[in-house]
């Protein structure tokens, strides 16, 4: 595991591994405030953003019906091109992404 501070933060014990052992990979963290949880993902830097979004949703919010109801944010901004490779949108080792509902939801 990397010594990057963001990768040392609390997350689920299991790590989602998209990169093959020995292949170039970065470790990122995806947080979802609606469920107060986070997941660590080991992925190739050229993995499409949509793959990260889908895998994080499967782990953190499996009851989600449509992935288009959710957005991934980097530094507070929505990543608009979900087909782009992570490295092209600025994701590097230790990046923290925010996964949240596209529209504000009423507090109950």
PDB file of N, CA and C in Angstrom:
ATOM      1  N   UNK A   1       0.845  -1.178   0.000  1.00  0.00           N
ATOM      2  CA  UNK A   1       0.000   0.000   0.000  1.00  0.00           C
ATOM      3  C   UNK A   1       0.887   1.237   0.000  1.00  0.00           C
ATOM      4  N   UNK A   2       0.443   2.259  -0.632  1.00  0.00           N
ATOM      5  CA  UNK A   2       1.208   3.486  -0.772  1.00  0.00           C
ATOM      6  C   UNK A   2       1.307   4.237   0.552  1.00  0.00           C
ATOM      7  N   UNK A   3       2.324   5.065   0.666  1.00  0.00           N
ATOM      8  CA  UNK A   3       2.486   5.878   1.863  1.00  0.00           C
ATOM      9  C   UNK A   3       1.808   7.236   1.713  1.00  0.00           C
ATOM     10  N   UNK A   4       1.087   7.465   0.630  1.00  0.00           N
ATOM     11  CA  UNK A   4       0.358   8.711   0.427  1.00  0.00           C
ATOM     12  C   UNK A   4      -0.680   8.839   1.542  1.00  0.00           C
ATOM     13  N   UNK A   5      -0.752  10.023   2.161  1.00  0.00           N
ATOM     14  CA  UNK A   5      -1.636  10.230   3.306  1.00  0.00           C
ATOM     15  C   UNK A   5      -3.074   9.812   3.032  1.00  0.00           C
ATOM     16  N   UNK A   6      -3.628  10.183   1.887  1.00  0.00           N
ATOM     17  CA  UNK A   6      -5.025   9.866   1.574  1.00  0.00           C
ATOM     18  C   UNK A   6      -5.283   8.366   1.597  1.00  0.00           C
ATOM     19  N   UNK A   7      -4.272   7.567   1.289  1.00  0.00           N
ATOM     20  CA  UNK A   7      -4.457   6.115   1.276  1.00  0.00           C
ATOM     21  C   UNK A   7      -4.378   5.506   2.662  1.00  0.00           C
ATOM     22  N   UNK A   8      -3.982   6.290   3.654  1.00  0.00           N
ATOM     23  CA  UNK A   8      -3.909   5.800   5.022  1.00  0.00           C
ATOM     24  C   UNK A   8      -5.194   6.084   5.794  1.00  0.00           C
ATOM     25  N   UNK A   9      -6.093   6.877   5.201  1.00  0.00           N
ATOM     26  CA  UNK A   9      -7.347   7.220   5.858  1.00  0.00           C
ATOM     27  C   UNK A   9      -8.278   6.016   5.923  1.00  0.00           C
ATOM     28  N   UNK A  10      -9.234   6.089   6.820  1.00  0.00           N
ATOM     29  CA  UNK A  10     -10.180   5.000   7.018  1.00  0.00           C
ATOM     30  C   UNK A  10     -10.965   4.716   5.733  1.00  0.00           C
ATOM     31  N   UNK A  11     -11.070   3.464   5.429  1.00  0.00           N
ATOM     32  CA  UNK A  11     -11.882   2.989   4.304  1.00  0.00           C
ATOM     33  C   UNK A  11     -12.250   1.550   4.635  1.00  0.00           C
ATOM     34  N   UNK A  12     -13.066   0.962   3.830  1.00  0.00           N
ATOM     35  CA  UNK A  12     -13.405  -0.449   4.030  1.00  0.00           C
ATOM     36  C   UNK A  12     -12.138  -1.290   3.989  1.00  0.00           C
ATOM     37  N   UNK A  13     -12.162  -2.417   4.699  1.00  0.00           N
ATOM     38  CA  UNK A  13     -10.994  -3.302   4.724  1.00  0.00           C
ATOM     39  C   UNK A  13     -10.640  -3.810   3.336  1.00  0.00           C
ATOM     40  N   UNK A  14     -11.652  -4.195   2.585  1.00  0.00           N
ATOM     41  CA  UNK A  14     -11.380  -4.731   1.253  1.00  0.00           C
ATOM     42  C   UNK A  14     -11.071  -3.595   0.285  1.00  0.00           C
ATOM     43  N   UNK A  15     -10.172  -3.872  -0.619  1.00  0.00           N
ATOM     44  CA  UNK A  15      -9.795  -2.918  -1.650  1.00  0.00           C
ATOM     45  C   UNK A  15     -10.288  -3.442  -2.988  1.00  0.00           C
ATOM     46  N   UNK A  16     -10.883  -2.580  -3.786  1.00  0.00           N
ATOM     47  CA  UNK A  16     -11.305  -2.968  -5.125  1.00  0.00           C
ATOM     48  C   UNK A  16     -10.072  -2.913  -6.009  1.00  0.00           C
ATOM     49  N   UNK A  17      -9.724  -4.031  -6.605  1.00  0.00           N
ATOM     50  CA  UNK A  17      -8.525  -4.102  -7.438  1.00  0.00           C
ATOM     51  C   UNK A  17      -8.934  -4.259  -8.895  1.00  0.00           C
ATOM     52  N   UNK A  18      -8.623  -3.233  -9.693  1.00  0.00           N
ATOM     53  CA  UNK A  18      -8.894  -3.268 -11.127  1.00  0.00           C
ATOM     54  C   UNK A  18      -7.618  -3.509 -11.920  1.00  0.00           C
ATOM     55  N   UNK A  19      -6.484  -3.263 -11.288  1.00  0.00           N
ATOM     56  CA  UNK A  19      -5.189  -3.451 -11.952  1.00  0.00           C
ATOM     57  C   UNK A  19      -4.658  -4.846 -11.639  1.00  0.00           C
ATOM     58  N   UNK A  20      -4.071  -5.468 -12.630  1.00  0.00           N
ATOM     59  CA  UNK A  20      -3.457  -6.784 -12.428  1.00  0.00           C
ATOM     60  C   UNK A  20      -2.221  -6.631 -11.550  1.00  0.00           C
ATOM     61  N   UNK A  21      -1.906  -7.674 -10.784  1.00  0.00           N
ATOM     62  CA  UNK A  21      -0.704  -7.665  -9.955  1.00  0.00           C
ATOM     63  C   UNK A  21       0.515  -7.368 -10.826  1.00  0.00           C
ATOM     64  N   UNK A  22       1.352  -6.445 -10.377  1.00  0.00           N
ATOM     65  CA  UNK A  22       2.568  -6.119 -11.104  1.00  0.00           C
ATOM     66  C   UNK A  22       2.401  -5.100 -12.213  1.00  0.00           C
ATOM     67  N   UNK A  23       1.161  -4.800 -12.586  1.00  0.00           N
ATOM     68  CA  UNK A  23       0.901  -3.806 -13.639  1.00  0.00           C
ATOM     69  C   UNK A  23       0.955  -2.402 -13.027  1.00  0.00           C
ATOM     70  N   UNK A  24       1.245  -1.381 -13.837  1.00  0.00           N
ATOM     71  CA  UNK A  24       1.231  -0.010 -13.316  1.00  0.00           C
ATOM     72  C   UNK A  24      -0.143   0.313 -12.732  1.00  0.00           C
ATOM     73  N   UNK A  25      -0.149   0.885 -11.530  1.00  0.00           N
ATOM     74  CA  UNK A  25      -1.413   1.166 -10.857  1.00  0.00           C
ATOM     75  C   UNK A  25      -1.273   2.346  -9.912  1.00  0.00           C
ATOM     76  N   UNK A  26      -2.409   2.972  -9.647  1.00  0.00           N
ATOM     77  CA  UNK A  26      -2.493   4.006  -8.627  1.00  0.00           C
ATOM     78  C   UNK A  26      -3.561   3.578  -7.637  1.00  0.00           C
ATOM     79  N   UNK A  27      -3.446   4.060  -6.417  1.00  0.00           N
ATOM     80  CA  UNK A  27      -4.456   3.787  -5.402  1.00  0.00           C
ATOM     81  C   UNK A  27      -5.195   5.086  -5.141  1.00  0.00           C
ATOM     82  N   UNK A  28      -6.521   5.033  -5.282  1.00  0.00           N
ATOM     83  CA  UNK A  28      -7.358   6.204  -5.054  1.00  0.00           C
ATOM     84  C   UNK A  28      -8.411   5.856  -4.018  1.00  0.00           C
ATOM     85  N   UNK A  29      -9.103   6.868  -3.563  1.00  0.00           N
ATOM     86  CA  UNK A  29     -10.143   6.690  -2.554  1.00  0.00           C
ATOM     87  C   UNK A  29     -11.404   7.348  -3.088  1.00  0.00           C
ATOM     88  N   UNK A  30     -12.532   6.663  -2.954  1.00  0.00           N
ATOM     89  CA  UNK A  30     -13.819   7.234  -3.353  1.00  0.00           C
ATOM     90  C   UNK A  30     -14.682   7.298  -2.100  1.00  0.00           C
ATOM     91  N   UNK A  31     -15.145   8.497  -1.778  1.00  0.00           N
ATOM     92  CA  UNK A  31     -15.977   8.726  -0.600  1.00  0.00           C
ATOM     93  C   UNK A  31     -17.402   9.029  -1.035  1.00  0.00           C
ATOM     94  N   UNK A  32     -18.371   8.542  -0.239  1.00  0.00           N
ATOM     95  CA  UNK A  32     -19.771   8.829  -0.519  1.00  0.00           C
ATOM     96  C   UNK A  32     -20.421   9.344   0.763  1.00  0.00           C
ATOM     97  N   UNK A  33     -20.672  10.658   0.838  1.00  0.00           N
ATOM     98  CA  UNK A  33     -21.196  11.241   2.080  1.00  0.00           C
ATOM     99  C   UNK A  33     -22.581  10.730   2.466  1.00  0.00           C
ATOM    100  N   UNK A  34     -23.387  10.334   1.502  1.00  0.00           N
ATOM    101  CA  UNK A  34     -24.746   9.862   1.820  1.00  0.00           C
ATOM    102  C   UNK A  34     -24.731   8.615   2.694  1.00  0.00           C
ATOM    103  N   UNK A  35     -23.699   7.830   2.605  1.00  0.00           N
ATOM    104  CA  UNK A  35     -23.625   6.600   3.410  1.00  0.00           C
ATOM    105  C   UNK A  35     -22.470   6.645   4.415  1.00  0.00           C
ATOM    106  N   UNK A  36     -21.771   7.779   4.484  1.00  0.00           N
ATOM    107  CA  UNK A  36     -20.646   7.959   5.401  1.00  0.00           C
ATOM    108  C   UNK A  36     -19.654   6.814   5.273  1.00  0.00           C
ATOM    109  N   UNK A  37     -19.269   6.526   4.057  1.00  0.00           N
ATOM    110  CA  UNK A  37     -18.361   5.409   3.823  1.00  0.00           C
ATOM    111  C   UNK A  37     -17.414   5.757   2.675  1.00  0.00           C
ATOM    112  N   UNK A  38     -16.346   4.982   2.598  1.00  0.00           N
ATOM    113  CA  UNK A  38     -15.345   5.191   1.549  1.00  0.00           C
ATOM    114  C   UNK A  38     -14.767   3.846   1.143  1.00  0.00           C
ATOM    115  N   UNK A  39     -14.256   3.796  -0.068  1.00  0.00           N
ATOM    116  CA  UNK A  39     -13.642   2.577  -0.584  1.00  0.00           C
ATOM    117  C   UNK A  39     -12.320   2.946  -1.247  1.00  0.00           C
ATOM    118  N   UNK A  40     -11.365   2.055  -1.125  1.00  0.00           N
ATOM    119  CA  UNK A  40     -10.052   2.227  -1.751  1.00  0.00           C
ATOM    120  C   UNK A  40     -10.060   1.416  -3.046  1.00  0.00           C
ATOM    121  N   UNK A  41      -9.517   1.991  -4.118  1.00  0.00           N
ATOM    122  CA  UNK A  41      -9.482   1.321  -5.412  1.00  0.00           C
ATOM    123  C   UNK A  41      -8.067   1.369  -5.969  1.00  0.00           C
ATOM    124  N   UNK A  42      -7.549   0.206  -6.368  1.00  0.00           N
ATOM    125  CA  UNK A  42      -6.261   0.113  -7.042  1.00  0.00           C
ATOM    126  C   UNK A  42      -6.577  -0.083  -8.512  1.00  0.00           C
ATOM    127  N   UNK A  43      -6.145   0.859  -9.326  1.00  0.00           N
ATOM    128  CA  UNK A  43      -6.581   0.892 -10.721  1.00  0.00           C
ATOM    129  C   UNK A  43      -5.460   1.328 -11.652  1.00  0.00           C
ATOM    130  N   UNK A  44      -5.515   0.905 -12.899  1.00  0.00           N
ATOM    131  CA  UNK A  44      -4.575   1.468 -13.876  1.00  0.00           C
ATOM    132  C   UNK A  44      -4.881   2.961 -14.059  1.00  0.00           C
ATOM    133  N   UNK A  45      -3.874   3.795 -14.262  1.00  0.00           N
ATOM    134  CA  UNK A  45      -4.119   5.229 -14.447  1.00  0.00           C
ATOM    135  C   UNK A  45      -4.947   5.552 -15.686  1.00  0.00           C
ATOM    136  N   UNK A  46      -4.988   4.634 -16.647  1.00  0.00           N
ATOM    137  CA  UNK A  46      -5.748   4.902 -17.873  1.00  0.00           C
ATOM    138  C   UNK A  46      -7.155   4.293 -17.847  1.00  0.00           C
ATOM    139  N   UNK A  47      -7.605   3.858 -16.685  1.00  0.00           N
ATOM    140  CA  UNK A  47      -8.971   3.306 -16.547  1.00  0.00           C
ATOM    141  C   UNK A  47      -9.980   4.436 -16.762  1.00  0.00           C
ATOM    142  N   UNK A  48     -11.074   4.186 -17.493  1.00  0.00           N
ATOM    143  CA  UNK A  48     -12.084   5.229 -17.683  1.00  0.00           C
ATOM    144  C   UNK A  48     -12.757   5.613 -16.363  1.00  0.00           C
ATOM    145  N   UNK A  49     -13.105   6.864 -16.223  1.00  0.00           N
ATOM    146  CA  UNK A  49     -13.771   7.375 -15.023  1.00  0.00           C
ATOM    147  C   UNK A  49     -15.049   6.596 -14.750  1.00  0.00           C
ATOM    148  N   UNK A  50     -15.809   6.258 -15.779  1.00  0.00           N
ATOM    149  CA  UNK A  50     -17.083   5.558 -15.599  1.00  0.00           C
ATOM    150  C   UNK A  50     -16.898   4.218 -14.888  1.00  0.00           C
ATOM    151  N   UNK A  51     -15.810   3.534 -15.130  1.00  0.00           N
ATOM    152  CA  UNK A  51     -15.560   2.253 -14.468  1.00  0.00           C
ATOM    153  C   UNK A  51     -15.399   2.464 -12.967  1.00  0.00           C
ATOM    154  N   UNK A  52     -14.673   3.499 -12.582  1.00  0.00           N
ATOM    155  CA  UNK A  52     -14.481   3.808 -11.162  1.00  0.00           C
ATOM    156  C   UNK A  52     -15.818   4.135 -10.518  1.00  0.00           C
ATOM    157  N   UNK A  53     -16.604   4.945 -11.208  1.00  0.00           N
ATOM    158  CA  UNK A  53     -17.918   5.334 -10.694  1.00  0.00           C
ATOM    159  C   UNK A  53     -18.808   4.110 -10.486  1.00  0.00           C
ATOM    160  N   UNK A  54     -18.868   3.234 -11.469  1.00  0.00           N
ATOM    161  CA  UNK A  54     -19.717   2.049 -11.373  1.00  0.00           C
ATOM    162  C   UNK A  54     -19.262   1.109 -10.263  1.00  0.00           C
ATOM    163  N   UNK A  55     -17.963   0.864 -10.168  1.00  0.00           N
ATOM    164  CA  UNK A  55     -17.449  -0.046  -9.137  1.00  0.00           C
ATOM    165  C   UNK A  55     -17.643   0.534  -7.737  1.00  0.00           C
ATOM    166  N   UNK A  56     -17.462   1.836  -7.587  1.00  0.00           N
ATOM    167  CA  UNK A  56     -17.679   2.469  -6.287  1.00  0.00           C
ATOM    168  C   UNK A  56     -19.161   2.413  -5.906  1.00  0.00           C
ATOM    169  N   UNK A  57     -20.045   2.645  -6.867  1.00  0.00           N
ATOM    170  CA  UNK A  57     -21.480   2.547  -6.591  1.00  0.00           C
ATOM    171  C   UNK A  57     -21.869   1.135  -6.174  1.00  0.00           C
ATOM    172  N   UNK A  58     -21.331   0.125  -6.855  1.00  0.00           N
ATOM    173  CA  UNK A  58     -21.621  -1.264  -6.484  1.00  0.00           C
ATOM    174  C   UNK A  58     -21.243  -1.536  -5.035  1.00  0.00           C
ATOM    175  N   UNK A  59     -20.133  -0.995  -4.597  1.00  0.00           N
ATOM    176  CA  UNK A  59     -19.649  -1.239  -3.240  1.00  0.00           C
ATOM    177  C   UNK A  59     -20.356  -0.376  -2.193  1.00  0.00           C
ATOM    178  N   UNK A  60     -20.557   0.900  -2.505  1.00  0.00           N
ATOM    179  CA  UNK A  60     -21.050   1.837  -1.506  1.00  0.00           C
ATOM    180  C   UNK A  60     -22.561   2.044  -1.510  1.00  0.00           C
ATOM    181  N   UNK A  61     -23.195   1.886  -2.658  1.00  0.00           N
ATOM    182  CA  UNK A  61     -24.632   2.167  -2.771  1.00  0.00           C
ATOM    183  C   UNK A  61     -25.261   1.195  -3.769  1.00  0.00           C
ATOM    184  N   UNK A  62     -25.280  -0.109  -3.429  1.00  0.00           N
ATOM    185  CA  UNK A  62     -25.746  -1.122  -4.389  1.00  0.00           C
ATOM    186  C   UNK A  62     -27.210  -0.974  -4.798  1.00  0.00           C
ATOM    187  N   UNK A  63     -27.988  -0.231  -4.024  1.00  0.00           N
ATOM    188  CA  UNK A  63     -29.400  -0.054  -4.383  1.00  0.00           C
ATOM    189  C   UNK A  63     -29.608   1.014  -5.455  1.00  0.00           C
ATOM    190  N   UNK A  64     -28.547   1.645  -5.920  1.00  0.00           N
ATOM    191  CA  UNK A  64     -28.651   2.655  -6.980  1.00  0.00           C
ATOM    192  C   UNK A  64     -29.197   2.012  -8.250  1.00  0.00           C
ATOM    193  N   UNK A  65     -30.222   2.633  -8.815  1.00  0.00           N
ATOM    194  CA  UNK A  65     -30.816   2.086 -10.032  1.00  0.00           C
ATOM    195  C   UNK A  65     -30.074   2.536 -11.284  1.00  0.00           C
ATOM    196  N   UNK A  66     -29.688   3.813 -11.325  1.00  0.00           N
ATOM    197  CA  UNK A  66     -29.047   4.370 -12.515  1.00  0.00           C
ATOM    198  C   UNK A  66     -27.775   5.102 -12.117  1.00  0.00           C
ATOM    199  N   UNK A  67     -26.652   4.742 -12.713  1.00  0.00           N
ATOM    200  CA  UNK A  67     -25.412   5.435 -12.365  1.00  0.00           C
ATOM    201  C   UNK A  67     -25.445   6.886 -12.819  1.00  0.00           C
ATOM    202  N   UNK A  68     -26.321   7.223 -13.762  1.00  0.00           N
ATOM    203  CA  UNK A  68     -26.424   8.615 -14.218  1.00  0.00           C
ATOM    204  C   UNK A  68     -27.051   9.524 -13.160  1.00  0.00           C
ATOM    205  N   UNK A  69     -27.633   8.947 -12.101  1.00  0.00           N
ATOM    206  CA  UNK A  69     -28.186   9.741 -11.002  1.00  0.00           C
ATOM    207  C   UNK A  69     -27.094  10.231 -10.054  1.00  0.00           C
ATOM    208  N   UNK A  70     -25.856   9.821 -10.302  1.00  0.00           N
ATOM    209  CA  UNK A  70     -24.739  10.143  -9.421  1.00  0.00           C
ATOM    210  C   UNK A  70     -23.618  10.815 -10.210  1.00  0.00           C
ATOM    211  N   UNK A  71     -22.803  11.595  -9.493  1.00  0.00           N
ATOM    212  CA  UNK A  71     -21.656  12.255 -10.118  1.00  0.00           C
ATOM    213  C   UNK A  71     -20.401  11.930  -9.322  1.00  0.00           C
ATOM    214  N   UNK A  72     -19.284  11.945 -10.021  1.00  0.00           N
ATOM    215  CA  UNK A  72     -17.973  11.855  -9.383  1.00  0.00           C
ATOM    216  C   UNK A  72     -17.368  13.244  -9.446  1.00  0.00           C
ATOM    217  N   UNK A  73     -16.829  13.702  -8.312  1.00  0.00           N
ATOM    218  CA  UNK A  73     -16.234  15.034  -8.260  1.00  0.00           C
ATOM    219  C   UNK A  73     -14.760  14.927  -7.883  1.00  0.00           C
ATOM    220  N   UNK A  74     -13.984  15.791  -8.484  1.00  0.00           N
ATOM    221  CA  UNK A  74     -12.560  15.920  -8.191  1.00  0.00           C
ATOM    222  C   UNK A  74     -12.317  17.371  -7.800  1.00  0.00           C
ATOM    223  N   UNK A  75     -11.806  17.579  -6.595  1.00  0.00           N
ATOM    224  CA  UNK A  75     -11.557  18.932  -6.068  1.00  0.00           C
ATOM    225  C   UNK A  75     -12.816  19.809  -6.131  1.00  0.00           C
ATOM    226  N   UNK A  76     -13.987  19.209  -5.892  1.00  0.00           N
ATOM    227  CA  UNK A  76     -15.239  19.949  -5.855  1.00  0.00           C
ATOM    228  C   UNK A  76     -15.943  20.132  -7.183  1.00  0.00           C
ATOM    229  N   UNK A  77     -15.306  19.690  -8.275  1.00  0.00           N
ATOM    230  CA  UNK A  77     -15.893  19.866  -9.609  1.00  0.00           C
ATOM    231  C   UNK A  77     -16.305  18.520 -10.179  1.00  0.00           C
ATOM    232  N   UNK A  78     -17.481  18.505 -10.797  1.00  0.00           N
ATOM    233  CA  UNK A  78     -17.956  17.281 -11.447  1.00  0.00           C
ATOM    234  C   UNK A  78     -17.048  16.917 -12.614  1.00  0.00           C
ATOM    235  N   UNK A  79     -16.716  15.644 -12.704  1.00  0.00           N
ATOM    236  CA  UNK A  79     -15.962  15.142 -13.854  1.00  0.00           C
ATOM    237  C   UNK A  79     -16.984  14.922 -14.960  1.00  0.00           C
ATOM    238  N   UNK A  80     -16.941  15.752 -15.983  1.00  0.00           N
ATOM    239  CA  UNK A  80     -17.961  15.730 -17.030  1.00  0.00           C
ATOM    240  C   UNK A  80     -17.745  14.628 -18.059  1.00  0.00           C
ATOM    241  N   UNK A  81     -16.503  14.327 -18.388  1.00  0.00           N
ATOM    242  CA  UNK A  81     -16.218  13.310 -19.400  1.00  0.00           C
ATOM    243  C   UNK A  81     -15.905  11.984 -18.707  1.00  0.00           C
ATOM    244  N   UNK A  82     -16.956  11.194 -18.480  1.00  0.00           N
ATOM    245  CA  UNK A  82     -16.781   9.930 -17.769  1.00  0.00           C
ATOM    246  C   UNK A  82     -16.100   8.859 -18.613  1.00  0.00           C
ATOM    247  N   UNK A  83     -15.946   9.099 -19.890  1.00  0.00           N
ATOM    248  CA  UNK A  83     -15.249   8.159 -20.755  1.00  0.00           C
ATOM    249  C   UNK A  83     -13.746   8.396 -20.780  1.00  0.00           C
ATOM    250  N   UNK A  84     -13.323   9.512 -20.211  1.00  0.00           N
ATOM    251  CA  UNK A  84     -11.899   9.872 -20.215  1.00  0.00           C
ATOM    252  C   UNK A  84     -11.110   9.018 -19.230  1.00  0.00           C
ATOM    253  N   UNK A  85      -9.854   8.736 -19.543  1.00  0.00           N
ATOM    254  CA  UNK A  85      -8.992   8.021 -18.597  1.00  0.00           C
ATOM    255  C   UNK A  85      -8.751   8.875 -17.349  1.00  0.00           C
ATOM    256  N   UNK A  86      -8.582   8.224 -16.223  1.00  0.00           N
ATOM    257  CA  UNK A  86      -8.349   8.928 -14.964  1.00  0.00           C
ATOM    258  C   UNK A  86      -7.227   9.949 -15.064  1.00  0.00           C
ATOM    259  N   UNK A  87      -6.110   9.536 -15.657  1.00  0.00           N
ATOM    260  CA  UNK A  87      -4.945  10.408 -15.735  1.00  0.00           C
ATOM    261  C   UNK A  87      -5.248  11.689 -16.506  1.00  0.00           C
ATOM    262  N   UNK A  88      -6.131  11.639 -17.484  1.00  0.00           N
ATOM    263  CA  UNK A  88      -6.462  12.818 -18.282  1.00  0.00           C
ATOM    264  C   UNK A  88      -7.328  13.829 -17.539  1.00  0.00           C
ATOM    265  N   UNK A  89      -8.057  13.377 -16.516  1.00  0.00           N
ATOM    266  CA  UNK A  89      -8.888  14.314 -15.751  1.00  0.00           C
ATOM    267  C   UNK A  89      -8.167  14.800 -14.495  1.00  0.00           C
ATOM    268  N   UNK A  90      -6.935  14.349 -14.285  1.00  0.00           N
ATOM    269  CA  UNK A  90      -6.147  14.846 -13.165  1.00  0.00           C
ATOM    270  C   UNK A  90      -6.047  13.924 -11.969  1.00  0.00           C
ATOM    271  N   UNK A  91      -6.513  12.704 -12.096  1.00  0.00           N
ATOM    272  CA  UNK A  91      -6.430  11.751 -10.984  1.00  0.00           C
ATOM    273  C   UNK A  91      -5.025  11.161 -10.941  1.00  0.00           C
ATOM    274  N   UNK A  92      -4.411  11.223  -9.759  1.00  0.00           N
ATOM    275  CA  UNK A  92      -3.070  10.688  -9.539  1.00  0.00           C
ATOM    276  C   UNK A  92      -3.086   9.819  -8.282  1.00  0.00           C
ATOM    277  N   UNK A  93      -1.961   9.235  -7.960  1.00  0.00           N
ATOM    278  CA  UNK A  93      -1.818   8.430  -6.743  1.00  0.00           C
ATOM    279  C   UNK A  93      -2.307   9.232  -5.537  1.00  0.00           C
ATOM    280  N   UNK A  94      -3.213   8.623  -4.762  1.00  0.00           N
ATOM    281  CA  UNK A  94      -3.700   9.259  -3.543  1.00  0.00           C
ATOM    282  C   UNK A  94      -4.863  10.206  -3.715  1.00  0.00           C
ATOM    283  N   UNK A  95      -5.375  10.352  -4.922  1.00  0.00           N
ATOM    284  CA  UNK A  95      -6.509  11.248  -5.161  1.00  0.00           C
ATOM    285  C   UNK A  95      -7.741  10.753  -4.409  1.00  0.00           C
ATOM    286  N   UNK A  96      -8.516  11.702  -3.899  1.00  0.00           N
ATOM    287  CA  UNK A  96      -9.798  11.390  -3.269  1.00  0.00           C
ATOM    288  C   UNK A  96     -10.895  11.924  -4.175  1.00  0.00           C
ATOM    289  N   UNK A  97     -11.808  11.043  -4.574  1.00  0.00           N
ATOM    290  CA  UNK A  97     -12.956  11.428  -5.394  1.00  0.00           C
ATOM    291  C   UNK A  97     -14.208  11.384  -4.529  1.00  0.00           C
ATOM    292  N   UNK A  98     -15.146  12.263  -4.809  1.00  0.00           N
ATOM    293  CA  UNK A  98     -16.414  12.295  -4.098  1.00  0.00           C
ATOM    294  C   UNK A  98     -17.495  11.755  -5.023  1.00  0.00           C
ATOM    295  N   UNK A  99     -18.238  10.773  -4.553  1.00  0.00           N
ATOM    296  CA  UNK A  99     -19.358  10.189  -5.288  1.00  0.00           C
ATOM    297  C   UNK A  99     -20.627  10.622  -4.581  1.00  0.00           C
ATOM    298  N   UNK A 100     -21.503  11.313  -5.279  1.00  0.00           N
ATOM    299  CA  UNK A 100     -22.703  11.831  -4.632  1.00  0.00           C
ATOM    300  C   UNK A 100     -23.860  11.892  -5.619  1.00  0.00           C
ATOM    301  N   UNK A 101     -25.075  12.080  -5.085  1.00  0.00           N
ATOM    302  CA  UNK A 101     -26.250  12.215  -5.951  1.00  0.00           C
ATOM    303  C   UNK A 101     -26.105  13.441  -6.837  1.00  0.00           C
ATOM    304  N   UNK A 102     -26.602  13.334  -8.035  1.00  0.00           N
ATOM    305  CA  UNK A 102     -26.538  14.450  -8.990  1.00  0.00           C
ATOM    306  C   UNK A 102     -27.351  15.645  -8.486  1.00  0.00           C
ATOM    307  N   UNK A 103     -28.509  15.399  -7.927  1.00  0.00           N
ATOM    308  CA  UNK A 103     -29.375  16.472  -7.425  1.00  0.00           C
ATOM    309  C   UNK A 103     -29.485  16.384  -5.922  1.00  0.00           C
ATOM    310  N   UNK A 104     -29.603  17.541  -5.309  1.00  0.00           N
ATOM    311  CA  UNK A 104     -29.773  17.581  -3.859  1.00  0.00           C
ATOM    312  C   UNK A 104     -31.020  16.800  -3.489  1.00  0.00           C
ATOM    313  N   UNK A 105     -30.944  16.130  -2.355  1.00  0.00           N
ATOM    314  CA  UNK A 105     -32.072  15.327  -1.897  1.00  0.00           C
ATOM    315  C   UNK A 105     -32.587  15.912  -0.601  1.00  0.00           C
ATOM    316  N   UNK A 106     -33.917  15.820  -0.346  1.00  0.00           N
ATOM    317  CA  UNK A 106     -34.469  16.379   0.890  1.00  0.00           C
ATOM    318  C   UNK A 106     -33.956  15.620   2.109  1.00  0.00           C
ATOM    319  N   UNK A 107     -33.749  16.348   3.178  1.00  0.00           N
ATOM    320  CA  UNK A 107     -33.320  15.736   4.435  1.00  0.00           C
ATOM    321  C   UNK A 107     -34.563  15.190   5.126  1.00  0.00           C
ATOM    322  N   UNK A 108     -34.452  13.952   5.569  1.00  0.00           N
ATOM    323  CA  UNK A 108     -35.619  13.336   6.244  1.00  0.00           C
ATOM    324  C   UNK A 108     -35.314  13.068   7.674  1.00  0.00           C
TER     325      UNK A 108
END
